């Protein structure tokens, strides 16, 4: 019997289900995705999805593996480069060209990896680690002397985080301008923000801990922030937050009216700390470069120290729709503040003439991606995090 036609139908239907699931996961995360919603988008009943995927976890696995495969194809284009700058440029050109195809509905989107750890699937975890290694390979020119493993991992984490964060701000540009964006984005990735010869001289901001309160509310904020960073909004349930603090659900509701109120407080606290860093830096620095370097160094040290995490910016993509718009607007105002500081640095000659709007988004993404930095580095101290992660952001990933 000829089975080619049924096989093609099976694969086509399976691909359609994966595409539907990706759309849902990118809005609600892996925990928020349901087979019912995936099926409804295709005019199917949930059992129609189960025929192809035995459960939600199997479908989520297929979505993530699809994303890894697509990213690996883009990375492969970068591997043709003969030096780091060319490798990064080829990869980023390919990536932004792909984003244009998605925006113009000429290609299916890929799943966001912001929530990948929430699935806790061994196959997906292994594939994602291999994807990370492929990204890292772009930072090493063939035959060139390499950096330490921690240094390369820190740079690879930054590169991947910036690429993934671009999904949030890129839609504000017209798709036909994505190539233009790629050139500016790539220039900052390769050569950094600092002007040639500018001195790396961040000033310690010693009062950031003033934003931390020593009370029960602070304990709930820290526990919720850690869980959202690890497992996404839905994964950070009331039960898990309570268990992390070894308290009852009753104790949770004694201190918090509802989970969404606590989530919003987590975002507000992150913004509070970042605004405090801006105010302190402006009071003690003498150039735009020094101000931004001081903010970034102190905020990354703040996170890596383990005292009080900041929420990942990527958590915004999975925040409840009722509060997401307001929170994104607040982060946008902060990014605009960073853009003004970058303008100051360009004017005083300490920073290169860059696209300040893109640079500000990259700066914000770099700071908050530090929440996961320790997942990719071994025994990294706060001072090493500044040297291996923050400094390359300003000096470029293609340099020495």
Protein backbone atom coordinates (compact mmCIF):
# COMPACT_ATOMS: atom_id res chain seq x y z
CA UNK A 1 0.00 0.00 0.00
CA UNK A 2 1.25 3.49 -0.82
CA UNK A 3 1.59 5.41 2.44
CA UNK A 4 3.32 8.54 1.10
CA UNK A 5 0.16 10.67 0.95
CA UNK A 6 -1.03 9.84 4.51
CA UNK A 7 2.52 10.47 5.76
CA UNK A 8 2.59 13.89 4.16
CA UNK A 9 -0.80 14.67 5.69
CA UNK A 10 0.37 13.48 9.09
CA UNK A 11 3.49 15.63 8.95
CA UNK A 12 1.57 18.65 7.72
CA UNK A 13 -0.97 18.36 10.53
CA UNK A 14 1.76 17.78 13.07
CA UNK A 15 3.62 20.88 11.86
CA UNK A 16 0.41 22.93 12.10
CA UNK A 17 -0.12 21.80 15.69
CA UNK A 18 3.46 22.73 16.59
CA UNK A 19 3.01 26.17 15.00
CA UNK A 20 -0.21 26.70 16.96
CA UNK A 21 1.46 25.63 20.20
CA UNK A 22 4.39 27.98 19.58
CA UNK A 23 1.99 30.91 19.24
CA UNK A 24 0.31 30.01 22.54
CA UNK A 25 3.58 29.33 24.38
CA UNK A 26 5.05 32.64 23.26
CA UNK A 27 2.10 34.41 24.88
CA UNK A 28 1.54 32.28 27.97
CA UNK A 29 4.67 30.21 28.53
CA UNK A 30 5.01 26.46 28.64
CA UNK A 31 3.00 26.21 31.88
CA UNK A 32 0.19 28.36 30.53
CA UNK A 33 -0.19 26.50 27.25
CA UNK A 34 -3.12 24.04 27.11
CA UNK A 35 -3.98 21.42 24.53
CA UNK A 36 -7.47 22.85 24.38
CA UNK A 37 -6.30 26.29 23.27
CA UNK A 38 -3.85 24.80 20.77
CA UNK A 39 -6.61 22.63 19.32
CA UNK A 40 -9.15 25.46 19.19
CA UNK A 41 -6.86 27.58 17.01
CA UNK A 42 -6.97 24.75 14.43
CA UNK A 43 -10.67 23.95 14.84
CA UNK A 44 -9.79 20.65 16.46
CA UNK A 45 -10.89 18.99 19.68
CA UNK A 46 -8.13 18.27 22.25
CA UNK A 47 -8.15 14.57 21.38
CA UNK A 48 -7.19 15.56 17.83
CA UNK A 49 -3.94 16.96 19.24
CA UNK A 50 -3.36 13.94 21.48
CA UNK A 51 -3.38 11.75 18.36
CA UNK A 52 -0.09 13.46 17.41
CA UNK A 53 1.30 14.30 20.85
CA UNK A 54 0.49 12.15 23.87
CA UNK A 55 0.39 15.12 26.27
CA UNK A 56 1.20 18.80 26.69
CA UNK A 57 4.79 18.08 27.68
CA UNK A 58 5.45 16.11 24.49
CA UNK A 59 4.04 18.98 22.42
CA UNK A 60 6.15 21.54 24.29
CA UNK A 61 9.21 19.36 23.71
CA UNK A 62 8.51 19.34 19.96
CA UNK A 63 8.20 23.14 19.98
CA UNK A 64 11.53 23.64 21.71
CA UNK A 65 13.32 21.10 19.52
CA UNK A 66 11.90 22.86 16.47
CA UNK A 67 13.31 26.15 17.77
CA UNK A 68 16.73 24.66 18.44
CA UNK A 69 16.84 23.25 14.91
CA UNK A 70 15.92 26.61 13.38
CA UNK A 71 18.50 28.48 15.47
CA UNK A 72 21.20 25.96 14.63
CA UNK A 73 20.57 26.60 10.93
CA UNK A 74 21.08 30.34 11.50
CA UNK A 75 24.21 29.75 13.55
CA UNK A 76 25.59 27.53 10.79
CA UNK A 77 25.56 30.54 8.48
CA UNK A 78 27.75 32.40 10.94
CA UNK A 79 30.26 29.56 11.12
CA UNK A 80 31.37 30.36 7.57
CA UNK A 81 33.11 33.51 8.82
CA UNK A 82 36.89 33.60 9.11
CA UNK A 83 37.07 35.78 12.23
CA UNK A 84 34.76 36.56 15.16
CA UNK A 85 33.42 39.80 13.69
CA UNK A 86 32.51 38.13 10.40
CA UNK A 87 31.00 35.11 12.16
CA UNK A 88 28.82 37.31 14.36
CA UNK A 89 27.79 39.52 11.44
CA UNK A 90 26.76 36.57 9.27
CA UNK A 91 24.75 35.03 12.10
CA UNK A 92 23.00 38.28 13.03
CA UNK A 93 22.24 39.10 9.39
CA UNK A 94 20.66 35.67 9.02
CA UNK A 95 18.72 36.05 12.26
CA UNK A 96 17.23 39.45 11.44
CA UNK A 97 16.42 38.28 7.91
CA UNK A 98 14.53 35.40 9.49
CA UNK A 99 12.69 37.79 11.82
CA UNK A 100 11.64 39.79 8.76
CA UNK A 101 10.27 36.66 7.12
CA UNK A 102 8.25 35.94 10.26
CA UNK A 103 6.96 39.53 10.45
CA UNK A 104 5.89 39.35 6.80
CA UNK A 105 4.25 35.93 7.33
CA UNK A 106 6.68 34.21 4.99
CA UNK A 107 8.02 31.90 7.71
CA UNK A 108 6.68 30.25 10.85
CA UNK A 109 7.84 31.73 14.12
CA UNK A 110 10.00 29.86 16.63
CA UNK A 111 9.31 29.39 20.31
CA UNK A 112 10.82 31.82 22.79
CA UNK A 113 13.41 30.15 24.99
CA UNK A 114 12.65 32.41 27.95
CA UNK A 115 10.65 29.64 29.61
CA UNK A 116 12.73 26.64 28.58
CA UNK A 117 13.78 25.59 32.08
CA UNK A 118 10.15 25.44 33.21
CA UNK A 119 9.61 22.31 31.08
CA UNK A 120 12.49 20.47 32.77
CA UNK A 121 12.76 17.98 29.92
CA UNK A 122 16.08 16.12 29.61
CA UNK A 123 15.98 15.98 25.81
CA UNK A 124 15.20 19.67 25.49
CA UNK A 125 17.79 20.62 28.10
CA UNK A 126 20.48 18.70 26.25
CA UNK A 127 19.50 20.26 22.92
CA UNK A 128 19.50 23.75 24.44
CA UNK A 129 22.97 23.21 25.92
CA UNK A 130 24.19 22.19 22.45
CA UNK A 131 22.59 25.33 21.03
CA UNK A 132 24.43 27.39 23.62
CA UNK A 133 27.70 25.72 22.66
CA UNK A 134 27.03 26.52 19.01
CA UNK A 135 26.47 30.18 19.91
CA UNK A 136 29.69 30.09 21.90
CA UNK A 137 31.59 28.69 18.92
CA UNK A 138 30.84 31.89 16.98
CA UNK A 139 33.01 33.76 19.49
CA UNK A 140 36.09 31.72 18.65
CA UNK A 141 37.80 32.19 15.30
CA UNK A 142 39.09 28.95 13.76
CA UNK A 143 42.63 28.29 14.98
CA UNK A 144 42.65 31.29 17.31
CA UNK A 145 43.71 31.19 20.94
CA UNK A 146 40.60 30.99 23.08
CA UNK A 147 39.53 32.61 26.33
CA UNK A 148 38.68 30.81 29.55
CA UNK A 149 35.50 28.76 29.64
CA UNK A 150 33.84 31.21 32.02
CA UNK A 151 34.76 34.17 29.80
CA UNK A 152 33.36 32.50 26.68
CA UNK A 153 30.22 31.32 28.47
CA UNK A 154 29.55 34.79 29.85
CA UNK A 155 29.87 36.31 26.37
CA UNK A 156 27.75 33.57 24.78
CA UNK A 157 25.02 34.08 27.37
CA UNK A 158 25.01 37.80 26.65
CA UNK A 159 24.83 37.26 22.88
CA UNK A 160 21.96 34.78 23.11
CA UNK A 161 20.10 36.94 25.65
CA UNK A 162 20.37 40.02 23.42
CA UNK A 163 19.10 38.10 20.40
CA UNK A 164 16.14 36.71 22.33
CA UNK A 165 15.32 40.10 23.90
CA UNK A 166 15.23 41.70 20.44
CA UNK A 167 11.92 39.92 19.85
CA UNK A 168 10.33 42.36 22.32
CA UNK A 169 11.51 45.64 20.76
CA UNK A 170 12.04 44.67 17.11
CA UNK A 171 8.32 44.76 16.15
CA UNK A 172 8.38 48.52 16.73
CA UNK A 173 10.37 48.78 13.49
CA UNK A 174 9.05 48.21 10.00
CA UNK A 175 10.01 44.75 8.69
CA UNK A 176 11.75 46.26 5.64
CA UNK A 177 14.08 48.04 8.08
CA UNK A 178 15.22 44.85 9.84
CA UNK A 179 18.39 44.67 7.74
CA UNK A 180 19.17 48.24 8.76
CA UNK A 181 18.60 47.24 12.40
CA UNK A 182 20.85 44.20 11.98
CA UNK A 183 23.78 46.38 10.91
CA UNK A 184 23.44 48.66 13.91
CA UNK A 185 22.81 45.82 16.32
CA UNK A 186 25.76 43.89 14.90
CA UNK A 187 28.06 46.90 15.14
CA UNK A 188 27.37 47.20 18.86
CA UNK A 189 27.70 43.46 19.45
CA UNK A 190 31.06 43.35 17.66
CA UNK A 191 32.59 46.68 18.69
CA UNK A 192 30.69 47.65 21.82
CA UNK A 193 29.58 51.09 22.87
CA UNK A 194 32.81 52.58 24.21
CA UNK A 195 34.73 55.04 22.03
CA UNK A 196 38.23 53.90 20.97
CA UNK A 197 40.64 54.60 23.78
CA UNK A 198 37.92 55.36 26.34
CA UNK A 199 38.87 54.26 29.83
CA UNK A 200 37.00 51.47 31.60
CA UNK A 201 36.48 53.02 35.03
CA UNK A 202 33.14 52.17 36.69
CA UNK A 203 32.44 53.70 40.08
CA UNK A 204 30.98 51.39 42.76
CA UNK A 205 27.41 52.29 43.71
CA UNK A 206 27.34 51.32 47.34
CA UNK A 207 23.78 52.14 48.33
CA UNK A 208 21.75 49.81 46.11
CA UNK A 209 20.88 47.64 49.07
CA UNK A 210 18.88 50.59 50.41
CA UNK A 211 16.09 49.33 48.14
CA UNK A 212 16.04 46.03 50.04
CA UNK A 213 13.80 45.83 53.09
CA UNK A 214 14.37 43.40 55.93
CA UNK A 215 10.79 42.23 56.36
CA UNK A 216 8.39 39.47 55.32
CA UNK A 217 7.30 41.37 52.22
CA UNK A 218 10.91 41.37 50.97
CA UNK A 219 11.21 37.63 51.52
CA UNK A 220 8.11 37.02 49.38
CA UNK A 221 9.45 39.36 46.70
CA UNK A 222 12.77 37.54 46.53
CA UNK A 223 11.19 34.07 46.48
CA UNK A 224 8.70 35.05 43.76
CA UNK A 225 11.41 36.72 41.67
CA UNK A 226 13.64 33.65 41.84
CA UNK A 227 10.80 31.32 40.84
CA UNK A 228 9.61 33.54 37.98
CA UNK A 229 13.18 33.68 36.66
CA UNK A 230 13.44 29.89 36.90
CA UNK A 231 9.98 28.69 35.88
CA UNK A 232 8.09 31.59 34.35
CA UNK A 233 4.98 33.33 35.59
CA UNK A 234 2.68 30.29 35.66
CA UNK A 235 5.37 28.04 37.10
CA UNK A 236 5.81 30.42 40.04
CA UNK A 237 2.63 29.28 41.76
CA UNK A 238 1.42 30.32 45.20
CA UNK A 239 2.21 26.80 46.40
CA UNK A 240 5.81 26.94 45.15
CA UNK A 241 6.44 30.43 46.50
CA UNK A 242 5.09 29.36 49.89
CA UNK A 243 7.11 26.12 49.85
CA UNK A 244 10.33 28.00 49.07
CA UNK A 245 9.79 30.06 52.21
CA UNK A 246 8.50 27.08 54.21
CA UNK A 247 5.22 28.81 54.99
CA UNK A 248 1.58 27.90 54.40
CA UNK A 249 -0.65 29.26 51.64
CA UNK A 250 -2.54 30.99 54.41
CA UNK A 251 0.63 32.85 55.34
CA UNK A 252 1.07 33.84 51.68
CA UNK A 253 -2.38 35.39 51.53
CA UNK A 254 -1.85 37.07 54.88
CA UNK A 255 0.99 39.10 53.29
CA UNK A 256 -0.27 39.25 49.67
CA UNK A 257 -3.76 39.92 48.36
CA UNK A 258 -3.16 37.82 45.23
CA UNK A 259 -0.36 36.33 43.17
CA UNK A 260 -0.65 38.99 40.46
CA UNK A 261 -0.20 41.70 43.08
CA UNK A 262 3.03 40.04 44.19
CA UNK A 263 4.22 39.64 40.58
CA UNK A 264 3.60 43.32 39.92
CA UNK A 265 5.48 44.16 43.13
CA UNK A 266 8.43 42.07 41.86
CA UNK A 267 8.56 44.13 38.67
CA UNK A 268 8.18 47.36 40.61
CA UNK A 269 11.03 46.39 42.91
CA UNK A 270 13.30 45.62 39.95
CA UNK A 271 12.48 49.02 38.44
CA UNK A 272 13.07 50.69 41.81
CA UNK A 273 16.56 49.22 42.10
CA UNK A 274 17.45 50.17 38.53
CA UNK A 275 16.20 53.73 38.97
CA UNK A 276 18.20 54.03 42.18
CA UNK A 277 21.32 52.95 40.29
CA UNK A 278 20.69 55.65 37.68
CA UNK A 279 20.34 58.38 40.30
CA UNK A 280 23.47 57.31 42.15
CA UNK A 281 25.55 57.00 39.00
CA UNK A 282 24.61 60.46 37.78
CA UNK A 283 25.73 61.91 41.10
CA UNK A 284 29.23 60.39 41.14
CA UNK A 285 30.39 59.98 37.50
CA UNK A 286 31.90 62.36 34.97
CA UNK A 287 30.99 60.89 31.56
CA UNK A 288 28.20 59.00 29.87
CA UNK A 289 30.39 55.90 29.55
CA UNK A 290 31.38 55.94 33.21
CA UNK A 291 27.76 56.42 34.29
CA UNK A 292 26.47 53.50 32.23
CA UNK A 293 29.40 51.27 33.17
CA UNK A 294 28.81 52.05 36.85
CA UNK A 295 25.11 51.23 36.58
CA UNK A 296 25.73 47.97 34.74
CA UNK A 297 28.61 46.84 36.97
CA UNK A 298 26.75 47.53 40.19
CA UNK A 299 23.47 45.96 39.07
CA UNK A 300 25.19 42.82 37.78
CA UNK A 301 27.20 42.53 41.00
CA UNK A 302 23.94 43.01 42.89
CA UNK A 303 22.40 40.04 41.11
CA UNK A 304 25.37 37.69 41.07
CA UNK A 305 25.94 38.26 44.79
CA UNK A 306 22.72 36.36 45.41
CA UNK A 307 21.40 38.89 47.91
CA UNK A 308 18.37 40.00 45.94
CA UNK A 309 17.68 39.00 42.32
CA UNK A 310 16.17 41.25 39.68
CA UNK A 311 13.49 39.92 37.37
CA UNK A 312 14.65 38.92 33.91
CA UNK A 313 13.40 41.34 31.28
CA UNK A 314 12.20 38.30 29.32
CA UNK A 315 9.70 37.65 32.13
CA UNK A 316 7.77 40.60 30.71
CA UNK A 317 6.81 38.53 27.67
CA UNK A 318 4.92 36.09 29.92
CA UNK A 319 3.43 38.51 32.44
CA UNK A 320 -0.38 38.54 32.74
CA UNK A 321 -1.93 40.53 29.92
CA UNK A 322 -3.80 42.69 32.44
CA UNK A 323 -0.55 44.18 33.74
CA UNK A 324 1.89 43.46 30.90
CA UNK A 325 1.27 46.66 28.93
CA UNK A 326 1.72 48.90 31.97
CA UNK A 327 4.93 47.16 33.01
CA UNK A 328 6.41 47.27 29.52
CA UNK A 329 5.64 51.00 29.42
CA UNK A 330 7.58 51.49 32.65
CA UNK A 331 10.56 49.55 31.34
CA UNK A 332 10.35 51.56 28.13
CA UNK A 333 10.61 54.78 30.14
CA UNK A 334 13.69 53.40 31.85
CA UNK A 335 15.18 52.45 28.47
CA UNK A 336 14.50 55.97 27.25
CA UNK A 337 16.43 57.21 30.27
CA UNK A 338 19.32 54.99 29.29
CA UNK A 339 19.05 56.31 25.72
CA UNK A 340 19.47 59.86 27.04
CA UNK A 341 22.57 58.80 28.98
CA UNK A 342 23.98 57.18 25.85
CA UNK A 343 23.37 60.47 24.01
CA UNK A 344 25.37 62.20 26.76
CA UNK A 345 28.21 59.72 26.24
CA UNK A 346 28.22 60.28 22.49
CA UNK A 347 28.24 64.04 23.06
CA UNK A 348 31.16 63.94 25.52
CA UNK A 349 33.12 61.57 23.27
CA UNK A 350 33.24 58.61 25.69
CA UNK A 351 30.85 56.48 23.60
CA UNK A 352 30.79 55.70 19.89
CA UNK A 353 28.06 57.29 17.77
CA UNK A 354 25.55 54.45 17.91
CA UNK A 355 21.81 54.03 17.50
CA UNK A 356 20.85 55.11 21.01
CA UNK A 357 17.41 53.48 20.98
CA UNK A 358 18.74 50.05 20.06
CA UNK A 359 21.69 50.50 22.42
CA UNK A 360 19.37 51.34 25.32
CA UNK A 361 17.32 48.18 24.74
CA UNK A 362 20.50 46.11 24.57
CA UNK A 363 21.76 47.71 27.78
CA UNK A 364 18.53 46.86 29.60
CA UNK A 365 18.55 43.30 28.28
CA UNK A 366 22.18 42.76 29.28
CA UNK A 367 21.60 43.85 32.88
CA UNK A 368 18.59 41.67 33.48
CA UNK A 369 19.99 38.63 31.67
CA UNK A 370 22.58 38.55 34.46
CA UNK A 371 19.89 36.82 36.53
CA UNK A 372 20.81 33.60 34.66
CA UNK A 373 24.53 34.22 34.34
CA UNK A 374 25.48 31.73 37.03
CA UNK A 375 23.61 28.98 35.20
CA UNK A 376 26.33 29.10 32.51
CA UNK A 377 29.43 29.89 34.59
CA UNK A 378 31.21 28.08 37.37
CA UNK A 379 32.00 29.72 40.73
CA UNK A 380 31.71 33.19 39.23
CA UNK A 381 32.34 35.99 41.72
CA UNK A 382 30.59 39.36 41.41
CA UNK A 383 33.89 41.02 40.40
CA UNK A 384 34.51 38.37 37.72
CA UNK A 385 30.98 38.87 36.41
CA UNK A 386 31.74 42.55 35.84
CA UNK A 387 35.03 41.80 34.07
CA UNK A 388 33.83 38.85 31.96
CA UNK A 389 30.25 39.92 31.23
CA UNK A 390 29.74 43.67 31.64
CA UNK A 391 33.03 44.96 30.26
CA UNK A 392 32.76 43.02 26.96
CA UNK A 393 29.33 44.58 26.41
CA UNK A 394 31.00 48.00 26.23
CA UNK A 395 34.20 46.91 24.49
CA UNK A 396 32.63 44.46 22.02
CA UNK A 397 32.60 40.69 21.57
CA UNK A 398 34.88 40.74 18.55
CA UNK A 399 37.77 42.50 20.27
CA UNK A 400 40.66 41.21 22.34
